[in-house]
C-alpha atoms as a PDB file:
ATOM      1  CA  MET A   1       0.000   0.000   0.000  1.00  0.00           C
ATOM      2  CA  SER A   2       1.377   3.370  -0.943  1.00  0.00           C
ATOM      3  CA  ASP A   3       1.482   6.407   1.323  1.00  0.00           C
ATOM      4  CA  LYS A   4      -1.125   8.025  -0.935  1.00  0.00           C
ATOM      5  CA  GLN A   5      -3.517   5.087  -0.496  1.00  0.00           C
ATOM      6  CA  LEU A   6      -3.027   5.113   3.261  1.00  0.00           C
ATOM      7  CA  LEU A   7      -3.728   8.848   3.410  1.00  0.00           C
ATOM      8  CA  GLU A   8      -6.879   8.326   1.323  1.00  0.00           C
ATOM      9  CA  LEU A   9      -8.142   5.704   3.794  1.00  0.00           C
ATOM     10  CA  LYS A  10      -7.442   8.032   6.721  1.00  0.00           C
ATOM     11  CA  VAL A  11      -9.276  10.899   4.988  1.00  0.00           C
ATOM     12  CA  ASN A  12     -12.234   8.598   4.232  1.00  0.00           C
ATOM     13  CA  LEU A  13     -12.297   7.395   7.836  1.00  0.00           C
ATOM     14  CA  SER A  14     -12.198  10.957   9.111  1.00  0.00           C
ATOM     15  CA  ALA A  15     -15.022  12.195   6.883  1.00  0.00           C
ATOM     16  CA  ASN A  16     -17.236   9.159   7.500  1.00  0.00           C
ATOM     17  CA  ILE A  17     -16.883   9.285  11.279  1.00  0.00           C
ATOM     18  CA  LYS A  18     -17.571  12.999  11.365  1.00  0.00           C
ATOM     19  CA  ASN A  19     -20.595  12.723   9.046  1.00  0.00           C
ATOM     20  CA  LEU A  20     -22.129   9.744  10.849  1.00  0.00           C
ATOM     21  CA  ARG A  21     -21.472  11.277  14.257  1.00  0.00           C
ATOM     22  CA  LYS A  22     -23.238  14.481  13.235  1.00  0.00           C
ATOM     23  CA  LEU A  23     -26.146  12.567  11.661  1.00  0.00           C
ATOM     24  CA  LYS A  24     -26.647  10.813  14.987  1.00  0.00           C
ATOM     25  CA  GLY A  25     -26.387  14.113  16.871  1.00  0.00           C
ATOM     26  CA  LEU A  26     -23.342  12.979  18.849  1.00  0.00           C
ATOM     27  CA  ALA A  27     -20.557  15.179  20.096  1.00  0.00           C
ATOM     28  CA  GLN A  28     -17.037  13.775  19.878  1.00  0.00           C
ATOM     29  CA  GLU A  29     -17.067  13.271  23.633  1.00  0.00           C
ATOM     30  CA  ARG A  30     -20.332  11.284  23.559  1.00  0.00           C
ATOM     31  CA  LEU A  31     -19.146   9.098  20.669  1.00  0.00           C
ATOM     32  CA  ALA A  32     -15.876   8.418  22.465  1.00  0.00           C
ATOM     33  CA  LEU A  33     -17.655   7.572  25.712  1.00  0.00           C
ATOM     34  CA  GLU A  34     -20.119   5.210  24.027  1.00  0.00           C
ATOM     35  CA  ALA A  35     -17.362   3.545  21.984  1.00  0.00           C
ATOM     36  CA  GLY A  36     -15.019   3.253  24.959  1.00  0.00           C
ATOM     37  CA  VAL A  37     -12.216   5.302  23.428  1.00  0.00           C
ATOM     38  CA  ASP A  38     -10.503   8.543  24.392  1.00  0.00           C
ATOM     39  CA  ARG A  39     -12.177  11.751  23.184  1.00  0.00           C
ATOM     40  CA  THR A  40      -8.876  13.210  22.042  1.00  0.00           C
ATOM     41  CA  LEU A  41      -8.392  10.157  19.826  1.00  0.00           C
ATOM     42  CA  VAL A  42     -11.740  10.778  18.112  1.00  0.00           C
ATOM     43  CA  SER A  43     -10.677  14.375  17.548  1.00  0.00           C
ATOM     44  CA  LYS A  44      -7.320  13.296  16.117  1.00  0.00           C
ATOM     45  CA  ILE A  45      -8.973  10.756  13.811  1.00  0.00           C
ATOM     46  CA  GLU A  46     -11.371  13.401  12.516  1.00  0.00           C
ATOM     47  CA  ARG A  47      -8.431  15.759  11.892  1.00  0.00           C
ATOM     48  CA  VAL A  48      -6.483  12.975  10.104  1.00  0.00           C
ATOM     49  CA  ILE A  49      -3.723  13.128  12.707  1.00  0.00           C
ATOM     50  CA  ALA A  50      -4.138   9.720  14.369  1.00  0.00           C
ATOM     51  CA  ASN A  51      -3.652   6.300  12.832  1.00  0.00           C
ATOM     52  CA  PRO A  52      -6.162   4.250  14.869  1.00  0.00           C
ATOM     53  CA  SER A  53      -5.873   0.531  15.428  1.00  0.00           C
ATOM     54  CA  LEU A  54      -8.323  -1.892  13.881  1.00  0.00           C
ATOM     55  CA  GLU A  55      -9.823  -2.376  17.348  1.00  0.00           C
ATOM     56  CA  ILE A  56     -10.562   1.359  17.670  1.00  0.00           C
ATOM     57  CA  ILE A  57     -12.040   1.503  14.161  1.00  0.00           C
ATOM     58  CA  TYR A  58     -14.231  -1.497  15.025  1.00  0.00           C
ATOM     59  CA  LYS A  59     -15.448   0.118  18.260  1.00  0.00           C
ATOM     60  CA  LEU A  60     -16.336   3.352  16.449  1.00  0.00           C
ATOM     61  CA  ALA A  61     -18.080   1.487  13.615  1.00  0.00           C
ATOM     62  CA  ASN A  62     -20.079  -0.542  16.120  1.00  0.00           C
ATOM     63  CA  CYS A  63     -21.135   2.585  17.990  1.00  0.00           C
ATOM     64  CA  LEU A  64     -22.133   4.286  14.726  1.00  0.00           C
ATOM     65  CA  ASP A  65     -24.067   1.174  13.564  1.00  0.00           C
ATOM     66  CA  VAL A  66     -21.984   0.641  10.427  1.00  0.00           C
ATOM     67  CA  THR A  67     -19.352  -1.831   9.287  1.00  0.00           C
ATOM     68  CA  VAL A  68     -15.638  -1.144   9.360  1.00  0.00           C
ATOM     69  CA  ILE A  69     -15.679  -1.265   5.568  1.00  0.00           C
ATOM     70  CA  GLU A  70     -18.327   1.463   5.459  1.00  0.00           C
ATOM     71  CA  LEU A  71     -16.070   3.700   7.564  1.00  0.00           C
ATOM     72  CA  LEU A  72     -13.200   3.221   5.101  1.00  0.00           C
ATOM     73  CA  LYS A  73     -15.167   3.731   1.870  1.00  0.00           C
ATOM     74  CA  THR A  74     -15.026   6.976  -0.063  1.00  0.00           C
ATOM     75  CA  PRO A  75     -17.796   9.145   1.426  1.00  0.00           C
ATOM     76  CA  LYS A  76     -20.844   9.943  -0.679  1.00  0.00           C
ATOM     77  CA  GLN A  77     -20.922  13.557  -1.778  1.00  0.00           C
END
């Protein structure tokens, strides 16, 4: 996997988490609490700073009622 492809996945993850979180009316803090992850990590993921583990991505997907694959797909415009 190239650096470009990895960055694209991180950007997709960021946009999808932010969009789904807002659709559900959740603040970053609430999403983090419900998913059992640190709030600052959610913030860093949404700002494409963090490189979360598969476990963290799974927890966030579960909390947002989507699959991990849906979080990594290119967001719909």
